Amino acid sequence: MAEPGRLLRLIWADTAYQGPALADAFAAHGVGVEVVRRPDGTRGFVVLARRWTVERALGWLSRARRLNCDHERRPDHHTQMVWWAGLITLTRKLAKERLHWPEFRPGRLDPRPE
């Protein structure tokens, strides 16, 4: 059985991070590394598998005003702010709470179809 609290099983890495040193370091902890490569013979912009997931998550986190600038002096404080921003984003998505003006202004009926 895995160590309690250990959820990380696979990491997608850019080609800049390929090599045995990274793979061996993660393998020592039971985590696999999969390098995302561009298809052969392609030029210009290409959407790569699973990379959009990381970019989307970073975009969600960057919407938190506290994370836009480097306000924290201690790394453990910054880590907690990232967790906090992720938790807020996750709970809003789970609750499907999209607070966009003017659709959800106070006193207006819910415009979402049932």
N, C-alpha and C. Protein backbone atom coordinates (compact mmCIF):
# COMPACT_ATOMS: atom_id res chain seq x y z
N MET A 1 0.84 -1.19 0.00
CA MET A 1 0.00 0.00 0.00
C MET A 1 0.88 1.25 0.00
N ALA A 2 0.40 2.29 -0.64
CA ALA A 2 1.16 3.54 -0.74
C ALA A 2 1.19 4.25 0.61
N GLU A 3 2.16 5.09 0.75
CA GLU A 3 2.29 5.91 1.95
C GLU A 3 1.06 6.82 2.08
N PRO A 4 0.50 6.96 3.29
CA PRO A 4 -0.69 7.81 3.44
C PRO A 4 -0.43 9.23 2.96
N GLY A 5 -1.37 9.76 2.19
CA GLY A 5 -1.23 11.11 1.68
C GLY A 5 -0.46 11.20 0.38
N ARG A 6 0.10 10.11 -0.10
CA ARG A 6 0.86 10.15 -1.34
C ARG A 6 -0.09 9.87 -2.50
N LEU A 7 -0.35 10.89 -3.30
CA LEU A 7 -1.26 10.76 -4.42
C LEU A 7 -0.55 10.80 -5.76
N LEU A 8 0.67 11.26 -5.78
CA LEU A 8 1.41 11.45 -7.03
C LEU A 8 1.94 10.12 -7.53
N ARG A 9 1.53 9.74 -8.73
CA ARG A 9 1.98 8.47 -9.31
C ARG A 9 2.72 8.67 -10.63
N LEU A 10 2.38 9.74 -11.35
CA LEU A 10 2.96 9.98 -12.67
C LEU A 10 3.17 11.48 -12.86
N ILE A 11 4.30 11.84 -13.47
CA ILE A 11 4.62 13.23 -13.77
C ILE A 11 4.84 13.34 -15.27
N TRP A 12 4.20 14.35 -15.88
CA TRP A 12 4.47 14.64 -17.29
C TRP A 12 5.52 15.72 -17.33
N ALA A 13 6.60 15.49 -18.05
CA ALA A 13 7.72 16.42 -18.08
C ALA A 13 7.95 16.90 -19.51
N ASP A 14 8.50 18.10 -19.62
CA ASP A 14 8.90 18.67 -20.89
C ASP A 14 10.18 17.98 -21.35
N THR A 15 10.50 18.09 -22.62
CA THR A 15 11.70 17.43 -23.13
C THR A 15 12.97 18.00 -22.52
N ALA A 16 12.90 19.21 -21.97
CA ALA A 16 14.07 19.79 -21.31
C ALA A 16 14.44 19.01 -20.05
N TYR A 17 13.48 18.27 -19.50
CA TYR A 17 13.72 17.54 -18.26
C TYR A 17 13.89 16.04 -18.47
N GLN A 18 14.15 15.63 -19.69
CA GLN A 18 14.34 14.20 -19.93
C GLN A 18 15.75 13.79 -19.50
N GLY A 19 15.90 12.56 -19.19
CA GLY A 19 17.21 12.07 -18.77
C GLY A 19 17.08 11.13 -17.59
N PRO A 20 18.10 10.34 -17.36
CA PRO A 20 18.02 9.33 -16.31
C PRO A 20 18.07 9.92 -14.90
N ALA A 21 18.66 11.08 -14.71
CA ALA A 21 18.78 11.64 -13.35
C ALA A 21 17.40 11.93 -12.77
N LEU A 22 16.54 12.59 -13.53
CA LEU A 22 15.20 12.90 -13.05
C LEU A 22 14.37 11.64 -12.87
N ALA A 23 14.44 10.75 -13.85
CA ALA A 23 13.67 9.51 -13.77
C ALA A 23 14.09 8.68 -12.57
N ASP A 24 15.39 8.59 -12.30
CA ASP A 24 15.87 7.81 -11.15
C ASP A 24 15.45 8.45 -9.83
N ALA A 25 15.48 9.78 -9.77
CA ALA A 25 15.10 10.47 -8.54
C ALA A 25 13.63 10.22 -8.20
N PHE A 26 12.77 10.28 -9.20
CA PHE A 26 11.36 10.03 -8.95
C PHE A 26 11.07 8.55 -8.76
N ALA A 27 11.79 7.69 -9.45
CA ALA A 27 11.58 6.24 -9.30
C ALA A 27 11.90 5.79 -7.88
N ALA A 28 12.83 6.46 -7.23
CA ALA A 28 13.16 6.12 -5.85
C ALA A 28 11.97 6.34 -4.91
N HIS A 29 11.05 7.20 -5.33
CA HIS A 29 9.86 7.48 -4.53
C HIS A 29 8.61 6.83 -5.12
N GLY A 30 8.77 6.00 -6.12
CA GLY A 30 7.64 5.31 -6.71
C GLY A 30 6.80 6.16 -7.65
N VAL A 31 7.40 7.18 -8.24
CA VAL A 31 6.68 8.07 -9.15
C VAL A 31 7.27 7.91 -10.54
N GLY A 32 6.41 7.71 -11.52
CA GLY A 32 6.86 7.56 -12.90
C GLY A 32 6.96 8.90 -13.60
N VAL A 33 7.84 8.99 -14.59
CA VAL A 33 8.03 10.21 -15.37
C VAL A 33 7.76 9.88 -16.83
N GLU A 34 6.87 10.66 -17.44
CA GLU A 34 6.58 10.50 -18.86
C GLU A 34 6.92 11.81 -19.57
N VAL A 35 7.84 11.76 -20.52
CA VAL A 35 8.28 12.95 -21.23
C VAL A 35 7.32 13.19 -22.40
N VAL A 36 6.77 14.40 -22.46
CA VAL A 36 5.85 14.78 -23.54
C VAL A 36 6.69 15.35 -24.67
N ARG A 37 6.66 14.67 -25.82
CA ARG A 37 7.47 15.09 -26.98
C ARG A 37 6.59 15.60 -28.10
N ARG A 38 7.18 16.46 -28.90
CA ARG A 38 6.49 16.93 -30.11
C ARG A 38 6.48 15.81 -31.15
N PRO A 39 5.43 15.74 -31.95
CA PRO A 39 5.42 14.76 -33.03
C PRO A 39 6.55 15.04 -34.02
N ASP A 40 7.12 14.00 -34.58
CA ASP A 40 8.23 14.16 -35.53
C ASP A 40 7.79 14.94 -36.76
N GLY A 41 8.65 15.84 -37.21
CA GLY A 41 8.41 16.59 -38.44
C GLY A 41 7.46 17.76 -38.29
N THR A 42 7.12 18.18 -37.09
CA THR A 42 6.20 19.31 -36.93
C THR A 42 6.99 20.60 -36.72
N ARG A 43 6.41 21.69 -37.19
CA ARG A 43 7.02 23.01 -37.02
C ARG A 43 5.95 23.96 -36.50
N GLY A 44 6.38 24.97 -35.78
CA GLY A 44 5.44 25.95 -35.27
C GLY A 44 4.72 25.45 -34.02
N PHE A 45 3.58 26.07 -33.75
CA PHE A 45 2.81 25.74 -32.56
C PHE A 45 2.07 24.42 -32.74
N VAL A 46 2.21 23.54 -31.78
CA VAL A 46 1.51 22.26 -31.79
C VAL A 46 0.98 22.02 -30.38
N VAL A 47 -0.29 21.64 -30.27
CA VAL A 47 -0.85 21.30 -28.96
C VAL A 47 -0.31 19.93 -28.57
N LEU A 48 0.34 19.89 -27.42
CA LEU A 48 0.92 18.64 -26.95
C LEU A 48 0.02 17.99 -25.92
N ALA A 49 0.00 16.67 -25.94
CA ALA A 49 -0.86 15.92 -25.03
C ALA A 49 -0.52 16.24 -23.58
N ARG A 50 -1.52 16.50 -22.79
CA ARG A 50 -1.46 16.74 -21.35
C ARG A 50 -0.79 18.05 -20.96
N ARG A 51 -0.11 18.74 -21.85
CA ARG A 51 0.51 20.00 -21.46
C ARG A 51 -0.54 21.07 -21.21
N TRP A 52 -1.64 21.03 -21.95
CA TRP A 52 -2.69 22.02 -21.76
C TRP A 52 -3.27 21.92 -20.37
N THR A 53 -3.26 20.75 -19.76
CA THR A 53 -3.80 20.58 -18.42
C THR A 53 -2.99 21.39 -17.42
N VAL A 54 -1.68 21.34 -17.56
CA VAL A 54 -0.80 22.10 -16.66
C VAL A 54 -0.98 23.59 -16.89
N GLU A 55 -1.02 24.02 -18.15
CA GLU A 55 -1.18 25.43 -18.46
C GLU A 55 -2.52 25.96 -17.95
N ARG A 56 -3.57 25.15 -18.06
CA ARG A 56 -4.88 25.56 -17.57
C ARG A 56 -4.86 25.72 -16.05
N ALA A 57 -4.24 24.77 -15.36
CA ALA A 57 -4.16 24.85 -13.90
C ALA A 57 -3.36 26.07 -13.45
N LEU A 58 -2.26 26.37 -14.14
CA LEU A 58 -1.48 27.56 -13.80
C LEU A 58 -2.27 28.83 -14.08
N GLY A 59 -3.08 28.81 -15.12
CA GLY A 59 -3.95 29.95 -15.41
C GLY A 59 -4.98 30.17 -14.32
N TRP A 60 -5.57 29.08 -13.82
CA TRP A 60 -6.54 29.20 -12.73
C TRP A 60 -5.87 29.77 -11.49
N LEU A 61 -4.67 29.29 -11.17
CA LEU A 61 -3.99 29.76 -9.98
C LEU A 61 -3.57 31.22 -10.12
N SER A 62 -3.21 31.64 -11.33
CA SER A 62 -2.75 33.02 -11.51
C SER A 62 -3.89 34.02 -11.38
N ARG A 63 -5.14 33.55 -11.37
CA ARG A 63 -6.26 34.46 -11.16
C ARG A 63 -6.34 34.92 -9.71
N ALA A 64 -5.67 34.19 -8.81
CA ALA A 64 -5.64 34.61 -7.41
C ALA A 64 -4.71 35.80 -7.29
N ARG A 65 -5.23 36.92 -6.80
CA ARG A 65 -4.45 38.15 -6.75
C ARG A 65 -3.20 38.00 -5.88
N ARG A 66 -3.30 37.21 -4.84
CA ARG A 66 -2.15 37.04 -3.93
C ARG A 66 -0.99 36.34 -4.63
N LEU A 67 -1.26 35.53 -5.64
CA LEU A 67 -0.21 34.79 -6.33
C LEU A 67 0.34 35.52 -7.55
N ASN A 68 -0.28 36.63 -7.96
CA ASN A 68 0.19 37.34 -9.14
C ASN A 68 1.56 37.96 -8.95
N CYS A 69 1.83 38.44 -7.76
CA CYS A 69 3.15 39.00 -7.45
C CYS A 69 3.78 38.16 -6.36
N ASP A 70 5.05 38.27 -6.23
CA ASP A 70 5.76 37.48 -5.23
C ASP A 70 5.73 38.22 -3.89
N HIS A 71 4.64 38.07 -3.15
CA HIS A 71 4.47 38.78 -1.89
C HIS A 71 5.10 38.03 -0.72
N GLU A 72 5.21 36.73 -0.83
CA GLU A 72 5.64 35.92 0.31
C GLU A 72 7.16 35.88 0.40
N ARG A 73 7.67 35.98 1.61
CA ARG A 73 9.11 35.88 1.83
C ARG A 73 9.54 34.45 2.12
N ARG A 74 8.65 33.69 2.70
CA ARG A 74 8.98 32.32 3.07
C ARG A 74 8.33 31.34 2.11
N PRO A 75 9.06 30.34 1.65
CA PRO A 75 8.49 29.37 0.70
C PRO A 75 7.30 28.60 1.27
N ASP A 76 7.30 28.32 2.57
CA ASP A 76 6.16 27.59 3.13
C ASP A 76 4.89 28.44 3.12
N HIS A 77 5.01 29.76 3.26
CA HIS A 77 3.84 30.63 3.15
C HIS A 77 3.31 30.63 1.72
N HIS A 78 4.23 30.69 0.75
CA HIS A 78 3.81 30.68 -0.65
C HIS A 78 3.12 29.36 -0.99
N THR A 79 3.65 28.27 -0.48
CA THR A 79 3.03 26.96 -0.71
C THR A 79 1.60 26.94 -0.19
N GLN A 80 1.38 27.49 0.98
CA GLN A 80 0.04 27.52 1.54
C GLN A 80 -0.88 28.42 0.73
N MET A 81 -0.38 29.51 0.18
CA MET A 81 -1.20 30.38 -0.67
C MET A 81 -1.61 29.67 -1.96
N VAL A 82 -0.70 28.86 -2.51
CA VAL A 82 -1.05 28.09 -3.71
C VAL A 82 -2.12 27.06 -3.37
N TRP A 83 -1.99 26.38 -2.24
CA TRP A 83 -3.02 25.43 -1.80
C TRP A 83 -4.35 26.14 -1.60
N TRP A 84 -4.32 27.30 -0.98
CA TRP A 84 -5.53 28.06 -0.71
C TRP A 84 -6.22 28.48 -2.02
N ALA A 85 -5.44 28.97 -2.97
CA ALA A 85 -6.01 29.39 -4.26
C ALA A 85 -6.59 28.18 -4.99
N GLY A 86 -5.90 27.04 -4.93
CA GLY A 86 -6.42 25.83 -5.56
C GLY A 86 -7.70 25.35 -4.90
N LEU A 87 -7.77 25.44 -3.60
CA LEU A 87 -8.97 25.03 -2.87
C LEU A 87 -10.16 25.90 -3.22
N ILE A 88 -9.94 27.20 -3.31
CA ILE A 88 -11.02 28.12 -3.68
C ILE A 88 -11.51 27.81 -5.09
N THR A 89 -10.57 27.61 -6.01
CA THR A 89 -10.95 27.29 -7.39
C THR A 89 -11.72 25.98 -7.46
N LEU A 90 -11.25 24.97 -6.74
CA LEU A 90 -11.91 23.67 -6.76
C LEU A 90 -13.31 23.74 -6.18
N THR A 91 -13.48 24.40 -5.05
CA THR A 91 -14.80 24.47 -4.45
C THR A 91 -15.78 25.26 -5.31
N ARG A 92 -15.31 26.29 -5.98
CA ARG A 92 -16.20 27.03 -6.89
C ARG A 92 -16.62 26.16 -8.06
N LYS A 93 -15.69 25.37 -8.58
CA LYS A 93 -16.04 24.51 -9.71
C LYS A 93 -16.97 23.39 -9.28
N LEU A 94 -16.76 22.85 -8.09
CA LEU A 94 -17.66 21.81 -7.59
C LEU A 94 -19.06 22.34 -7.33
N ALA A 95 -19.15 23.55 -6.85
CA ALA A 95 -20.44 24.15 -6.55
C ALA A 95 -21.07 24.78 -7.79
N LYS A 96 -20.30 24.83 -8.89
CA LYS A 96 -20.75 25.45 -10.14
C LYS A 96 -21.22 26.87 -9.88
N GLU A 97 -20.42 27.58 -9.11
CA GLU A 97 -20.74 28.94 -8.75
C GLU A 97 -19.96 29.87 -9.65
N ARG A 98 -20.62 30.40 -10.64
CA ARG A 98 -19.99 31.31 -11.57
C ARG A 98 -20.56 32.70 -11.32
N LEU A 99 -19.85 33.51 -10.60
CA LEU A 99 -20.33 34.83 -10.23
C LEU A 99 -19.95 35.85 -11.30
N HIS A 100 -20.74 35.90 -12.37
CA HIS A 100 -20.48 36.84 -13.46
C HIS A 100 -21.57 37.91 -13.45
N TRP A 101 -21.16 39.11 -13.57
CA TRP A 101 -22.10 40.22 -13.66
C TRP A 101 -22.59 40.34 -15.08
N PRO A 102 -23.80 40.57 -15.41
CA PRO A 102 -24.95 40.87 -14.57
C PRO A 102 -25.83 39.66 -14.31
N GLU A 103 -25.44 38.49 -14.76
CA GLU A 103 -26.32 37.33 -14.63
C GLU A 103 -26.65 36.99 -13.18
N PHE A 104 -25.71 37.16 -12.28
CA PHE A 104 -25.92 36.75 -10.90
C PHE A 104 -25.92 37.93 -9.94
N ARG A 105 -26.48 39.05 -10.35
CA ARG A 105 -26.53 40.17 -9.42
C ARG A 105 -27.64 39.93 -8.39
N PRO A 106 -27.50 40.52 -7.23
CA PRO A 106 -28.48 40.29 -6.16
C PRO A 106 -29.89 40.65 -6.58
N GLY A 107 -30.83 39.83 -6.20
CA GLY A 107 -32.23 40.09 -6.49
C GLY A 107 -32.69 39.59 -7.84
N ARG A 108 -31.81 39.09 -8.69
CA ARG A 108 -32.21 38.61 -10.00
C ARG A 108 -32.45 37.11 -9.93
N LEU A 109 -33.40 36.64 -10.70
CA LEU A 109 -33.70 35.21 -10.73
C LEU A 109 -32.55 34.44 -11.36
N ASP A 110 -32.41 33.19 -11.00
CA ASP A 110 -31.35 32.33 -11.52
C ASP A 110 -31.60 32.08 -13.00
N PRO A 111 -30.69 32.51 -13.90
CA PRO A 111 -30.92 32.34 -15.35
C PRO A 111 -30.58 30.96 -15.86
N ARG A 112 -30.01 30.12 -15.01
CA ARG A 112 -29.62 28.79 -15.49
C ARG A 112 -30.83 27.90 -15.70
N PRO A 113 -30.88 27.18 -16.82
CA PRO A 113 -32.00 26.27 -17.05
C PRO A 113 -31.90 25.06 -16.12
N GLU A 114 -33.05 24.55 -15.77
CA GLU A 114 -33.07 23.39 -14.86
C GLU A 114 -33.27 22.11 -15.60
